[in-house]
Structures are given as structure tokens and as C-alpha cells.
């Protein structure tokens, strides 16, 4: 179920509900409802959540890449944690993780502008 996948993938990435909610620009209580199954994210929020964890919305919903069979995310989320730790992302501070996640949510043009601004400040 989506609520179980959301909780599991968030915990495996060592994020709090507050941090994920901040990345989504929603209240923590709204995100908590997603994890408890009281409500479900709309397609826009589901897409943003998938971008945060670098998975597809189908992965979050428990479908394989063809969308034909229901496969829970346990293996995929474990692989995500391994690849993240091998890449050093889990060694980042909470603020550094937030920067990475916000950067991933930006458009190509926004990324270029931000990098140009940062270069000027350094």
C-alpha cells in the first residue's frame, strides 16, 4: 500500500515527516495523513514525492515498470538506500540533503540560474 511505501522509503532515507513535508510545501500533518492512509496525495504531489526519492510514481504505488503487476517496493527502496549511501548522500547534513532535494525539484533553467548565482557569491 502507498502509505507503507511512503513511510518505509522516508525512513530508509533518514528523513523526518517534517522534512518531506517542507520539500513538498505542505503541512507536516498533511504528509502524516499520506503515511497513515487517511488521505492520498494527488498526482502532482505523488510526482513530487517520486522526484525526491528518485523513483517513479509507479514505484511508489507498488507497480512494476510496465504497470501490469503489483510488486511492493521493498527491494527497490533497499537498492535506493544502498546507492544513496555509496554516493555519500547519507553522509550529508540535514540542510545539505534539503539543498539536494530542492535542486532536484527545479527546472533546468532554474538550476542554471542558481548555479550562476552561487558562482558569483563564491
PDB file of N, CA and C in Angstrom:
ATOM      1  N   UNK A   1       0.826  -1.181   0.000  1.00  0.00           N
ATOM      2  CA  UNK A   1       0.000   0.000   0.000  1.00  0.00           C
ATOM      3  C   UNK A   1       0.874   1.251   0.000  1.00  0.00           C
ATOM      4  N   UNK A   2       0.370   2.310  -0.596  1.00  0.00           N
ATOM      5  CA  UNK A   2       1.123   3.553  -0.716  1.00  0.00           C
ATOM      6  C   UNK A   2       1.592   4.058   0.642  1.00  0.00           C
ATOM      7  N   UNK A   3       0.722   4.033   1.635  1.00  0.00           N
ATOM      8  CA  UNK A   3       1.103   4.575   2.945  1.00  0.00           C
ATOM      9  C   UNK A   3       2.325   3.853   3.507  1.00  0.00           C
ATOM     10  N   UNK A   4       2.389   2.542   3.316  1.00  0.00           N
ATOM     11  CA  UNK A   4       3.516   1.763   3.821  1.00  0.00           C
ATOM     12  C   UNK A   4       4.804   2.068   3.063  1.00  0.00           C
ATOM     13  N   UNK A   5       4.681   2.232   1.746  1.00  0.00           N
ATOM     14  CA  UNK A   5       5.845   2.555   0.924  1.00  0.00           C
ATOM     15  C   UNK A   5       6.387   3.931   1.304  1.00  0.00           C
ATOM     16  N   UNK A   6       5.490   4.903   1.489  1.00  0.00           N
ATOM     17  CA  UNK A   6       5.928   6.255   1.843  1.00  0.00           C
ATOM     18  C   UNK A   6       6.696   6.261   3.160  1.00  0.00           C
ATOM     19  N   UNK A   7       6.173   5.576   4.147  1.00  0.00           N
ATOM     20  CA  UNK A   7       6.830   5.534   5.455  1.00  0.00           C
ATOM     21  C   UNK A   7       8.189   4.834   5.339  1.00  0.00           C
ATOM     22  N   UNK A   8       8.203   3.709   4.645  1.00  0.00           N
ATOM     23  CA  UNK A   8       9.431   2.927   4.538  1.00  0.00           C
ATOM     24  C   UNK A   8      10.533   3.689   3.799  1.00  0.00           C
ATOM     25  N   UNK A   9      10.192   4.273   2.662  1.00  0.00           N
ATOM     26  CA  UNK A   9      11.213   4.958   1.870  1.00  0.00           C
ATOM     27  C   UNK A   9      11.703   6.221   2.577  1.00  0.00           C
ATOM     28  N   UNK A  10      10.819   6.883   3.310  1.00  0.00           N
ATOM     29  CA  UNK A  10      11.234   8.067   4.080  1.00  0.00           C
ATOM     30  C   UNK A  10      12.206   7.660   5.179  1.00  0.00           C
ATOM     31  N   UNK A  11      11.875   6.612   5.912  1.00  0.00           N
ATOM     32  CA  UNK A  11      12.749   6.153   6.991  1.00  0.00           C
ATOM     33  C   UNK A  11      14.094   5.668   6.457  1.00  0.00           C
ATOM     34  N   UNK A  12      14.067   4.960   5.337  1.00  0.00           N
ATOM     35  CA  UNK A  12      15.317   4.458   4.767  1.00  0.00           C
ATOM     36  C   UNK A  12      16.221   5.599   4.291  1.00  0.00           C
ATOM     37  N   UNK A  13      15.638   6.716   3.978  1.00  0.00           N
ATOM     38  CA  UNK A  13      16.414   7.884   3.545  1.00  0.00           C
ATOM     39  C   UNK A  13      16.673   8.853   4.689  1.00  0.00           C
ATOM     40  N   UNK A  14      16.335   8.414   5.897  1.00  0.00           N
ATOM     41  CA  UNK A  14      16.621   9.151   7.123  1.00  0.00           C
ATOM     42  C   UNK A  14      16.087  10.581   7.085  1.00  0.00           C
ATOM     43  N   UNK A  15      14.842  10.710   6.638  1.00  0.00           N
ATOM     44  CA  UNK A  15      14.163  11.997   6.625  1.00  0.00           C
ATOM     45  C   UNK A  15      13.013  11.960   7.620  1.00  0.00           C
ATOM     46  N   UNK A  16      12.681  13.116   8.165  1.00  0.00           N
ATOM     47  CA  UNK A  16      11.519  13.209   9.044  1.00  0.00           C
ATOM     48  C   UNK A  16      10.296  13.568   8.200  1.00  0.00           C
ATOM     49  N   UNK A  17       9.131  13.379   8.777  1.00  0.00           N
ATOM     50  CA  UNK A  17       7.912  13.788   8.088  1.00  0.00           C
ATOM     51  C   UNK A  17       7.942  15.288   7.827  1.00  0.00           C
ATOM     52  N   UNK A  18       8.453  16.045   8.765  1.00  0.00           N
ATOM     53  CA  UNK A  18       8.549  17.495   8.609  1.00  0.00           C
ATOM     54  C   UNK A  18       9.437  17.860   7.416  1.00  0.00           C
ATOM     55  N   UNK A  19      10.568  17.173   7.270  1.00  0.00           N
ATOM     56  CA  UNK A  19      11.478  17.469   6.162  1.00  0.00           C
ATOM     57  C   UNK A  19      10.824  17.180   4.810  1.00  0.00           C
ATOM     58  N   UNK A  20      10.147  16.043   4.709  1.00  0.00           N
ATOM     59  CA  UNK A  20       9.480  15.707   3.440  1.00  0.00           C
ATOM     60  C   UNK A  20       8.361  16.704   3.165  1.00  0.00           C
ATOM     61  N   UNK A  21       7.598  17.017   4.191  1.00  0.00           N
ATOM     62  CA  UNK A  21       6.509  17.991   4.025  1.00  0.00           C
ATOM     63  C   UNK A  21       7.068  19.338   3.566  1.00  0.00           C
ATOM     64  N   UNK A  22       8.195  19.750   4.117  1.00  0.00           N
ATOM     65  CA  UNK A  22       8.818  21.012   3.705  1.00  0.00           C
ATOM     66  C   UNK A  22       9.219  20.978   2.241  1.00  0.00           C
ATOM     67  N   UNK A  23       9.775  19.862   1.810  1.00  0.00           N
ATOM     68  CA  UNK A  23      10.155  19.717   0.403  1.00  0.00           C
ATOM     69  C   UNK A  23       8.944  19.779  -0.518  1.00  0.00           C
ATOM     70  N   UNK A  24       7.808  19.322  -0.018  1.00  0.00           N
ATOM     71  CA  UNK A  24       6.574  19.313  -0.805  1.00  0.00           C
ATOM     72  C   UNK A  24       5.773  20.601  -0.660  1.00  0.00           C
ATOM     73  N   UNK A  25       6.224  21.486   0.229  1.00  0.00           N
ATOM     74  CA  UNK A  25       5.499  22.728   0.525  1.00  0.00           C
ATOM     75  C   UNK A  25       4.087  22.469   1.042  1.00  0.00           C
ATOM     76  N   UNK A  26       3.976  21.505   1.957  1.00  0.00           N
ATOM     77  CA  UNK A  26       2.701  21.189   2.598  1.00  0.00           C
ATOM     78  C   UNK A  26       2.926  21.113   4.101  1.00  0.00           C
ATOM     79  N   UNK A  27       1.843  21.116   4.869  1.00  0.00           N
ATOM     80  CA  UNK A  27       1.949  20.948   6.316  1.00  0.00           C
ATOM     81  C   UNK A  27       2.385  19.529   6.649  1.00  0.00           C
ATOM     82  N   UNK A  28       3.097  19.398   7.773  1.00  0.00           N
ATOM     83  CA  UNK A  28       3.512  18.065   8.216  1.00  0.00           C
ATOM     84  C   UNK A  28       2.297  17.177   8.425  1.00  0.00           C
ATOM     85  N   UNK A  29       1.207  17.738   8.951  1.00  0.00           N
ATOM     86  CA  UNK A  29       0.011  16.929   9.210  1.00  0.00           C
ATOM     87  C   UNK A  29      -0.571  16.361   7.915  1.00  0.00           C
ATOM     88  N   UNK A  30      -0.492  17.121   6.839  1.00  0.00           N
ATOM     89  CA  UNK A  30      -0.970  16.619   5.548  1.00  0.00           C
ATOM     90  C   UNK A  30      -0.142  15.426   5.119  1.00  0.00           C
ATOM     91  N   UNK A  31       1.184  15.552   5.256  1.00  0.00           N
ATOM     92  CA  UNK A  31       2.041  14.424   4.890  1.00  0.00           C
ATOM     93  C   UNK A  31       1.794  13.232   5.810  1.00  0.00           C
ATOM     94  N   UNK A  32       1.583  13.493   7.085  1.00  0.00           N
ATOM     95  CA  UNK A  32       1.287  12.417   8.030  1.00  0.00           C
ATOM     96  C   UNK A  32       0.044  11.648   7.590  1.00  0.00           C
ATOM     97  N   UNK A  33      -0.964  12.361   7.094  1.00  0.00           N
ATOM     98  CA  UNK A  33      -2.175  11.701   6.583  1.00  0.00           C
ATOM     99  C   UNK A  33      -1.847  10.772   5.419  1.00  0.00           C
ATOM    100  N   UNK A  34      -0.868  11.145   4.577  1.00  0.00           N
ATOM    101  CA  UNK A  34      -0.465  10.257   3.478  1.00  0.00           C
ATOM    102  C   UNK A  34       0.098   8.952   4.042  1.00  0.00           C
ATOM    103  N   UNK A  35       0.928   9.073   5.087  1.00  0.00           N
ATOM    104  CA  UNK A  35       1.564   7.887   5.656  1.00  0.00           C
ATOM    105  C   UNK A  35       0.612   7.044   6.503  1.00  0.00           C
ATOM    106  N   UNK A  36      -0.459   7.633   6.982  1.00  0.00           N
ATOM    107  CA  UNK A  36      -1.420   6.853   7.769  1.00  0.00           C
ATOM    108  C   UNK A  36      -2.570   6.346   6.915  1.00  0.00           C
ATOM    109  N   UNK A  37      -2.636   6.796   5.668  1.00  0.00           N
ATOM    110  CA  UNK A  37      -3.683   6.346   4.768  1.00  0.00           C
ATOM    111  C   UNK A  37      -5.001   7.096   4.919  1.00  0.00           C
ATOM    112  N   UNK A  38      -5.013   8.159   5.728  1.00  0.00           N
ATOM    113  CA  UNK A  38      -6.249   8.943   5.880  1.00  0.00           C
ATOM    114  C   UNK A  38      -6.589   9.666   4.588  1.00  0.00           C
ATOM    115  N   UNK A  39      -5.553  10.133   3.881  1.00  0.00           N
ATOM    116  CA  UNK A  39      -5.731  10.732   2.561  1.00  0.00           C
ATOM    117  C   UNK A  39      -4.599  10.240   1.668  1.00  0.00           C
ATOM    118  N   UNK A  40      -4.762  10.450   0.375  1.00  0.00           N
ATOM    119  CA  UNK A  40      -3.714  10.102  -0.583  1.00  0.00           C
ATOM    120  C   UNK A  40      -3.273  11.370  -1.308  1.00  0.00           C
ATOM    121  N   UNK A  41      -1.998  11.422  -1.664  1.00  0.00           N
ATOM    122  CA  UNK A  41      -1.532  12.581  -2.423  1.00  0.00           C
ATOM    123  C   UNK A  41      -2.158  12.595  -3.812  1.00  0.00           C
ATOM    124  N   UNK A  42      -2.387  13.812  -4.340  1.00  0.00           N
ATOM    125  CA  UNK A  42      -2.863  13.879  -5.720  1.00  0.00           C
ATOM    126  C   UNK A  42      -1.694  13.542  -6.644  1.00  0.00           C
ATOM    127  N   UNK A  43      -1.954  13.451  -7.927  1.00  0.00           N
ATOM    128  CA  UNK A  43      -0.929  13.023  -8.883  1.00  0.00           C
ATOM    129  C   UNK A  43       0.254  13.982  -8.895  1.00  0.00           C
ATOM    130  N   UNK A  44      -0.009  15.283  -8.699  1.00  0.00           N
ATOM    131  CA  UNK A  44       1.068  16.270  -8.665  1.00  0.00           C
ATOM    132  C   UNK A  44       1.988  16.017  -7.471  1.00  0.00           C
ATOM    133  N   UNK A  45       1.404  15.826  -6.285  1.00  0.00           N
ATOM    134  CA  UNK A  45       2.210  15.566  -5.092  1.00  0.00           C
ATOM    135  C   UNK A  45       2.933  14.218  -5.200  1.00  0.00           C
ATOM    136  N   UNK A  46       2.253  13.221  -5.758  1.00  0.00           N
ATOM    137  CA  UNK A  46       2.874  11.905  -5.931  1.00  0.00           C
ATOM    138  C   UNK A  46       4.108  12.023  -6.819  1.00  0.00           C
ATOM    139  N   UNK A  47       3.996  12.823  -7.866  1.00  0.00           N
ATOM    140  CA  UNK A  47       5.124  13.045  -8.760  1.00  0.00           C
ATOM    141  C   UNK A  47       6.276  13.740  -8.038  1.00  0.00           C
ATOM    142  N   UNK A  48       5.963  14.728  -7.205  1.00  0.00           N
ATOM    143  CA  UNK A  48       6.999  15.426  -6.440  1.00  0.00           C
ATOM    144  C   UNK A  48       7.671  14.481  -5.445  1.00  0.00           C
ATOM    145  N   UNK A  49       6.883  13.631  -4.801  1.00  0.00           N
ATOM    146  CA  UNK A  49       7.451  12.661  -3.856  1.00  0.00           C
ATOM    147  C   UNK A  49       8.397  11.718  -4.595  1.00  0.00           C
ATOM    148  N   UNK A  50       7.982  11.262  -5.760  1.00  0.00           N
ATOM    149  CA  UNK A  50       8.825  10.364  -6.557  1.00  0.00           C
ATOM    150  C   UNK A  50      10.145  11.039  -6.923  1.00  0.00           C
ATOM    151  N   UNK A  51      10.104  12.331  -7.268  1.00  0.00           N
ATOM    152  CA  UNK A  51      11.331  13.059  -7.607  1.00  0.00           C
ATOM    153  C   UNK A  51      12.263  13.155  -6.407  1.00  0.00           C
ATOM    154  N   UNK A  52      11.707  13.367  -5.237  1.00  0.00           N
ATOM    155  CA  UNK A  52      12.530  13.467  -4.032  1.00  0.00           C
ATOM    156  C   UNK A  52      13.357  12.201  -3.845  1.00  0.00           C
ATOM    157  N   UNK A  53      12.721  11.049  -4.050  1.00  0.00           N
ATOM    158  CA  UNK A  53      13.392   9.772  -3.812  1.00  0.00           C
ATOM    159  C   UNK A  53      14.005   9.170  -5.065  1.00  0.00           C
ATOM    160  N   UNK A  54      13.900   9.888  -6.195  1.00  0.00           N
ATOM    161  CA  UNK A  54      14.449   9.413  -7.465  1.00  0.00           C
ATOM    162  C   UNK A  54      13.888   8.041  -7.847  1.00  0.00           C
ATOM    163  N   UNK A  55      12.578   7.909  -7.703  1.00  0.00           N
ATOM    164  CA  UNK A  55      11.857   6.719  -8.139  1.00  0.00           C
ATOM    165  C   UNK A  55      10.700   7.205  -9.014  1.00  0.00           C
ATOM    166  N   UNK A  56       9.944   6.279  -9.573  1.00  0.00           N
ATOM    167  CA  UNK A  56       8.791   6.665 -10.371  1.00  0.00           C
ATOM    168  C   UNK A  56       7.531   6.625  -9.511  1.00  0.00           C
ATOM    169  N   UNK A  57       6.482   7.332  -9.932  1.00  0.00           N
ATOM    170  CA  UNK A  57       5.213   7.199  -9.218  1.00  0.00           C
ATOM    171  C   UNK A  57       4.738   5.744  -9.181  1.00  0.00           C
ATOM    172  N   UNK A  58       4.979   4.979 -10.243  1.00  0.00           N
ATOM    173  CA  UNK A  58       4.612   3.559 -10.245  1.00  0.00           C
ATOM    174  C   UNK A  58       5.329   2.799  -9.137  1.00  0.00           C
ATOM    175  N   UNK A  59       6.592   3.152  -8.889  1.00  0.00           N
ATOM    176  CA  UNK A  59       7.330   2.511  -7.792  1.00  0.00           C
ATOM    177  C   UNK A  59       6.636   2.772  -6.463  1.00  0.00           C
ATOM    178  N   UNK A  60       6.209   4.019  -6.261  1.00  0.00           N
ATOM    179  CA  UNK A  60       5.544   4.371  -5.010  1.00  0.00           C
ATOM    180  C   UNK A  60       4.214   3.650  -4.859  1.00  0.00           C
ATOM    181  N   UNK A  61       3.543   3.433  -5.986  1.00  0.00           N
ATOM    182  CA  UNK A  61       2.242   2.766  -5.958  1.00  0.00           C
ATOM    183  C   UNK A  61       2.363   1.244  -5.914  1.00  0.00           C
ATOM    184  N   UNK A  62       3.591   0.735  -6.053  1.00  0.00           N
ATOM    185  CA  UNK A  62       3.812  -0.697  -5.941  1.00  0.00           C
ATOM    186  C   UNK A  62       3.658  -1.464  -7.229  1.00  0.00           C
ATOM    187  N   UNK A  63       3.749  -0.773  -8.377  1.00  0.00           N
ATOM    188  CA  UNK A  63       3.661  -1.453  -9.660  1.00  0.00           C
ATOM    189  C   UNK A  63       5.045  -1.617 -10.252  1.00  0.00           C
ATOM    190  N   UNK A  64       5.219  -2.678 -11.061  1.00  0.00           N
ATOM    191  CA  UNK A  64       6.485  -2.806 -11.780  1.00  0.00           C
ATOM    192  C   UNK A  64       6.503  -1.763 -12.894  1.00  0.00           C
ATOM    193  N   UNK A  65       7.608  -1.664 -13.618  1.00  0.00           N
ATOM    194  CA  UNK A  65       7.755  -0.599 -14.615  1.00  0.00           C
ATOM    195  C   UNK A  65       6.749  -0.692 -15.745  1.00  0.00           C
ATOM    196  N   UNK A  66       6.217  -1.868 -16.019  1.00  0.00           N
ATOM    197  CA  UNK A  66       5.200  -1.982 -17.060  1.00  0.00           C
ATOM    198  C   UNK A  66       3.823  -1.614 -16.525  1.00  0.00           C
ATOM    199  N   UNK A  67       3.700  -1.519 -15.196  1.00  0.00           N
ATOM    200  CA  UNK A  67       2.429  -1.160 -14.594  1.00  0.00           C
ATOM    201  C   UNK A  67       1.429  -2.307 -14.567  1.00  0.00           C
ATOM    202  N   UNK A  68       1.874  -3.519 -14.903  1.00  0.00           N
ATOM    203  CA  UNK A  68       0.946  -4.644 -15.016  1.00  0.00           C
ATOM    204  C   UNK A  68       0.749  -5.419 -13.726  1.00  0.00           C
ATOM    205  N   UNK A  69       1.795  -5.585 -12.950  1.00  0.00           N
ATOM    206  CA  UNK A  69       1.644  -6.407 -11.758  1.00  0.00           C
ATOM    207  C   UNK A  69       2.033  -5.631 -10.517  1.00  0.00           C
ATOM    208  N   UNK A  70       1.413  -5.980  -9.423  1.00  0.00           N
ATOM    209  CA  UNK A  70       1.674  -5.284  -8.174  1.00  0.00           C
ATOM    210  C   UNK A  70       2.903  -5.888  -7.506  1.00  0.00           C
ATOM    211  N   UNK A  71       3.932  -5.078  -7.347  1.00  0.00           N
ATOM    212  CA  UNK A  71       5.168  -5.506  -6.715  1.00  0.00           C
ATOM    213  C   UNK A  71       5.528  -4.460  -5.672  1.00  0.00           C
ATOM    214  N   UNK A  72       5.671  -4.872  -4.441  1.00  0.00           N
ATOM    215  CA  UNK A  72       5.998  -3.891  -3.410  1.00  0.00           C
ATOM    216  C   UNK A  72       7.431  -3.409  -3.582  1.00  0.00           C
ATOM    217  N   UNK A  73       7.716  -2.291  -3.008  1.00  0.00           N
ATOM    218  CA  UNK A  73       8.948  -1.563  -3.248  1.00  0.00           C
ATOM    219  C   UNK A  73      10.117  -2.026  -2.387  1.00  0.00           C
ATOM    220  N   UNK A  74       9.958  -3.049  -1.581  1.00  0.00           N
ATOM    221  CA  UNK A  74      10.987  -3.384  -0.601  1.00  0.00           C
ATOM    222  C   UNK A  74      12.368  -3.526  -1.229  1.00  0.00           C
ATOM    223  N   UNK A  75      12.495  -4.253  -2.332  1.00  0.00           N
ATOM    224  CA  UNK A  75      13.805  -4.408  -2.959  1.00  0.00           C
ATOM    225  C   UNK A  75      14.290  -3.093  -3.550  1.00  0.00           C
ATOM    226  N   UNK A  76      13.388  -2.358  -4.199  1.00  0.00           N
ATOM    227  CA  UNK A  76      13.785  -1.105  -4.832  1.00  0.00           C
ATOM    228  C   UNK A  76      14.189  -0.072  -3.796  1.00  0.00           C
ATOM    229  N   UNK A  77      13.479   0.017  -2.676  1.00  0.00           N
ATOM    230  CA  UNK A  77      13.846   1.016  -1.673  1.00  0.00           C
ATOM    231  C   UNK A  77      15.156   0.623  -0.990  1.00  0.00           C
ATOM    232  N   UNK A  78      15.408  -0.657  -0.839  1.00  0.00           N
ATOM    233  CA  UNK A  78      16.688  -1.092  -0.287  1.00  0.00           C
ATOM    234  C   UNK A  78      17.822  -0.715  -1.224  1.00  0.00           C
ATOM    235  N   UNK A  79      17.593  -0.891  -2.536  1.00  0.00           N
ATOM    236  CA  UNK A  79      18.602  -0.511  -3.513  1.00  0.00           C
ATOM    237  C   UNK A  79      18.816   0.996  -3.482  1.00  0.00           C
ATOM    238  N   UNK A  80      17.743   1.760  -3.295  1.00  0.00           N
ATOM    239  CA  UNK A  80      17.854   3.210  -3.226  1.00  0.00           C
ATOM    240  C   UNK A  80      18.747   3.608  -2.060  1.00  0.00           C
ATOM    241  N   UNK A  81      18.541   2.977  -0.914  1.00  0.00           N
ATOM    242  CA  UNK A  81      19.355   3.316   0.249  1.00  0.00           C
ATOM    243  C   UNK A  81      20.815   2.967  -0.010  1.00  0.00           C
ATOM    244  N   UNK A  82      21.067   1.790  -0.616  1.00  0.00           N
ATOM    245  CA  UNK A  82      22.441   1.404  -0.899  1.00  0.00           C
ATOM    246  C   UNK A  82      23.100   2.381  -1.857  1.00  0.00           C
ATOM    247  N   UNK A  83      22.404   2.702  -2.945  1.00  0.00           N
ATOM    248  CA  UNK A  83      23.010   3.604  -3.920  1.00  0.00           C
ATOM    249  C   UNK A  83      23.213   4.984  -3.319  1.00  0.00           C
ATOM    250  N   UNK A  84      22.306   5.420  -2.451  1.00  0.00           N
ATOM    251  CA  UNK A  84      22.460   6.721  -1.815  1.00  0.00           C
ATOM    252  C   UNK A  84      23.665   6.730  -0.887  1.00  0.00           C
ATOM    253  N   UNK A  85      23.819   5.659  -0.093  1.00  0.00           N
ATOM    254  CA  UNK A  85      24.933   5.647   0.850  1.00  0.00           C
ATOM    255  C   UNK A  85      26.263   5.479   0.130  1.00  0.00           C
ATOM    256  N   UNK A  86      26.275   4.727  -0.969  1.00  0.00           N
ATOM    257  CA  UNK A  86      27.501   4.579  -1.736  1.00  0.00           C
ATOM    258  C   UNK A  86      27.906   5.916  -2.345  1.00  0.00           C
ATOM    259  N   UNK A  87      26.917   6.727  -2.725  1.00  0.00           N
ATOM    260  CA  UNK A  87      27.190   8.026  -3.313  1.00  0.00           C
ATOM    261  C   UNK A  87      27.477   9.098  -2.277  1.00  0.00           C
ATOM    262  N   UNK A  88      27.314   8.783  -1.022  1.00  0.00           N
ATOM    263  CA  UNK A  88      27.639   9.714   0.027  1.00  0.00           C
ATOM    264  C   UNK A  88      26.500  10.622   0.452  1.00  0.00           C
ATOM    265  N   UNK A  89      25.306  10.468  -0.093  1.00  0.00           N
ATOM    266  CA  UNK A  89      24.215  11.390   0.244  1.00  0.00           C
ATOM    267  C   UNK A  89      23.814  11.260   1.706  1.00  0.00           C
ATOM    268  N   UNK A  90      23.904  10.064   2.279  1.00  0.00           N
ATOM    269  CA  UNK A  90      23.502   9.913   3.676  1.00  0.00           C
ATOM    270  C   UNK A  90      24.523  10.531   4.625  1.00  0.00           C
ATOM    271  N   UNK A  91      25.726  10.834   4.111  1.00  0.00           N
ATOM    272  CA  UNK A  91      26.737  11.484   4.941  1.00  0.00           C
ATOM    273  C   UNK A  91      26.501  12.991   5.006  1.00  0.00           C
ATOM    274  N   UNK A  92      25.562  13.496   4.218  1.00  0.00           N
ATOM    275  CA  UNK A  92      25.274  14.921   4.209  1.00  0.00           C
ATOM    276  C   UNK A  92      24.469  15.311   5.443  1.00  0.00           C
ATOM    277  N   UNK A  93      24.610  16.576   5.834  1.00  0.00           N
ATOM    278  CA  UNK A  93      23.799  17.088   6.924  1.00  0.00           C
ATOM    279  C   UNK A  93      22.359  17.236   6.442  1.00  0.00           C
ATOM    280  N   UNK A  94      21.449  17.475   7.356  1.00  0.00           N
ATOM    281  CA  UNK A  94      20.045  17.660   7.003  1.00  0.00           C
ATOM    282  C   UNK A  94      19.880  18.835   6.052  1.00  0.00           C
ATOM    283  N   UNK A  95      20.570  19.941   6.314  1.00  0.00           N
ATOM    284  CA  UNK A  95      20.475  21.108   5.437  1.00  0.00           C
ATOM    285  C   UNK A  95      21.020  20.798   4.045  1.00  0.00           C
ATOM    286  N   UNK A  96      22.106  20.047   3.979  1.00  0.00           N
ATOM    287  CA  UNK A  96      22.673  19.683   2.681  1.00  0.00           C
ATOM    288  C   UNK A  96      21.715  18.772   1.901  1.00  0.00           C
ATOM    289  N   UNK A  97      21.061  17.848   2.600  1.00  0.00           N
ATOM    290  CA  UNK A  97      20.073  16.988   1.944  1.00  0.00           C
ATOM    291  C   UNK A  97      18.926  17.818   1.380  1.00  0.00           C
ATOM    292  N   UNK A  98      18.480  18.800   2.161  1.00  0.00           N
ATOM    293  CA  UNK A  98      17.395  19.660   1.690  1.00  0.00           C
ATOM    294  C   UNK A  98      17.796  20.394   0.416  1.00  0.00           C
ATOM    295  N   UNK A  99      19.032  20.906   0.387  1.00  0.00           N
ATOM    296  CA  UNK A  99      19.505  21.587  -0.813  1.00  0.00           C
ATOM    297  C   UNK A  99      19.494  20.661  -2.023  1.00  0.00           C
ATOM    298  N   UNK A 100      19.968  19.451  -1.842  1.00  0.00           N
ATOM    299  CA  UNK A 100      19.986  18.482  -2.942  1.00  0.00           C
ATOM    300  C   UNK A 100      18.566  18.197  -3.413  1.00  0.00           C
ATOM    301  N   UNK A 101      17.656  17.966  -2.501  1.00  0.00           N
ATOM    302  CA  UNK A 101      16.279  17.645  -2.888  1.00  0.00           C
ATOM    303  C   UNK A 101      15.587  18.817  -3.570  1.00  0.00           C
ATOM    304  N   UNK A 102      15.781  20.036  -3.037  1.00  0.00           N
ATOM    305  CA  UNK A 102      15.189  21.204  -3.684  1.00  0.00           C
ATOM    306  C   UNK A 102      15.771  21.385  -5.080  1.00  0.00           C
ATOM    307  N   UNK A 103      17.065  21.174  -5.213  1.00  0.00           N
ATOM    308  CA  UNK A 103      17.726  21.304  -6.508  1.00  0.00           C
ATOM    309  C   UNK A 103      17.119  20.322  -7.508  1.00  0.00           C
ATOM    310  N   UNK A 104      16.868  19.113  -7.075  1.00  0.00           N
ATOM    311  CA  UNK A 104      16.287  18.097  -7.960  1.00  0.00           C
ATOM    312  C   UNK A 104      14.881  18.448  -8.416  1.00  0.00           C
ATOM    313  N   UNK A 105      14.184  19.235  -7.635  1.00  0.00           N
ATOM    314  CA  UNK A 105      12.819  19.626  -7.994  1.00  0.00           C
ATOM    315  C   UNK A 105      12.782  20.802  -8.977  1.00  0.00           C
ATOM    316  N   UNK A 106      13.912  21.447  -9.179  1.00  0.00           N
ATOM    317  CA  UNK A 106      13.968  22.634 -10.028  1.00  0.00           C
ATOM    318  C   UNK A 106      14.011  22.258 -11.515  1.00  0.00           C
ATOM    319  N   UNK A 107      13.569  23.201 -12.331  1.00  0.00           N
ATOM    320  CA  UNK A 107      13.678  23.022 -13.784  1.00  0.00           C
ATOM    321  C   UNK A 107      15.138  23.230 -14.186  1.00  0.00           C
ATOM    322  N   UNK A 108      15.464  22.865 -15.402  1.00  0.00           N
ATOM    323  CA  UNK A 108      16.827  23.038 -15.902  1.00  0.00           C
ATOM    324  C   UNK A 108      17.272  24.485 -15.860  1.00  0.00           C
ATOM    325  N   UNK A 109      16.384  25.387 -16.264  1.00  0.00           N
ATOM    326  CA  UNK A 109      16.712  26.810 -16.269  1.00  0.00           C
ATOM    327  C   UNK A 109      16.932  27.327 -14.847  1.00  0.00           C
ATOM    328  N   UNK A 110      16.078  26.901 -13.907  1.00  0.00           N
ATOM    329  CA  UNK A 110      16.236  27.314 -12.513  1.00  0.00           C
ATOM    330  C   UNK A 110      17.565  26.826 -11.945  1.00  0.00           C
ATOM    331  N   UNK A 111      17.965  25.607 -12.311  1.00  0.00           N
ATOM    332  CA  UNK A 111      19.245  25.065 -11.839  1.00  0.00           C
ATOM    333  C   UNK A 111      20.409  25.906 -12.361  1.00  0.00           C
ATOM    334  N   UNK A 112      20.360  26.238 -13.656  1.00  0.00           N
ATOM    335  CA  UNK A 112      21.425  27.054 -14.252  1.00  0.00           C
ATOM    336  C   UNK A 112      21.529  28.405 -13.566  1.00  0.00           C
ATOM    337  N   UNK A 113      20.391  29.048 -13.312  1.00  0.00           N
ATOM    338  CA  UNK A 113      20.384  30.359 -12.661  1.00  0.00           C
ATOM    339  C   UNK A 113      20.942  30.274 -11.240  1.00  0.00           C
ATOM    340  N   UNK A 114      20.537  29.238 -10.522  1.00  0.00           N
ATOM    341  CA  UNK A 114      21.022  29.075  -9.152  1.00  0.00           C
ATOM    342  C   UNK A 114      22.532  28.865  -9.139  1.00  0.00           C
ATOM    343  N   UNK A 115      23.025  27.994 -10.015  1.00  0.00           N
ATOM    344  CA  UNK A 115      24.465  27.734 -10.063  1.00  0.00           C
ATOM    345  C   UNK A 115      25.247  28.989 -10.435  1.00  0.00           C
ATOM    346  N   UNK A 116      24.712  29.769 -11.363  1.00  0.00           N
ATOM    347  CA  UNK A 116      25.370  31.029 -11.733  1.00  0.00           C
ATOM    348  C   UNK A 116      25.418  31.982 -10.541  1.00  0.00           C
ATOM    349  N   UNK A 117      24.311  32.076  -9.803  1.00  0.00           N
ATOM    350  CA  UNK A 117      24.282  32.927  -8.605  1.00  0.00           C
ATOM    351  C   UNK A 117      25.292  32.465  -7.559  1.00  0.00           C
ATOM    352  N   UNK A 118      25.363  31.158  -7.371  1.00  0.00           N
ATOM    353  CA  UNK A 118      26.306  30.621  -6.378  1.00  0.00           C
ATOM    354  C   UNK A 118      27.750  30.904  -6.773  1.00  0.00           C
ATOM    355  N   UNK A 119      28.066  30.762  -8.067  1.00  0.00           N
ATOM    356  CA  UNK A 119      29.423  31.036  -8.531  1.00  0.00           C
ATOM    357  C   UNK A 119      29.804  32.479  -8.267  1.00  0.00           C
ATOM    358  N   UNK A 120      28.858  33.393  -8.444  1.00  0.00           N
ATOM    359  CA  UNK A 120      29.134  34.810  -8.204  1.00  0.00           C
ATOM    360  C   UNK A 120      29.423  35.075  -6.730  1.00  0.00           C
ATOM    361  N   UNK A 121      28.761  34.336  -5.850  1.00  0.00           N
ATOM    362  CA  UNK A 121      28.917  34.562  -4.411  1.00  0.00           C
ATOM    363  C   UNK A 121      30.165  33.933  -3.846  1.00  0.00           C
ATOM    364  N   UNK A 122      30.754  33.003  -4.551  1.00  0.00           N
ATOM    365  CA  UNK A 122      31.954  32.313  -4.025  1.00  0.00           C
ATOM    366  C   UNK A 122      33.198  33.012  -4.369  1.00  0.00           C
TER     367      UNK A 122
END
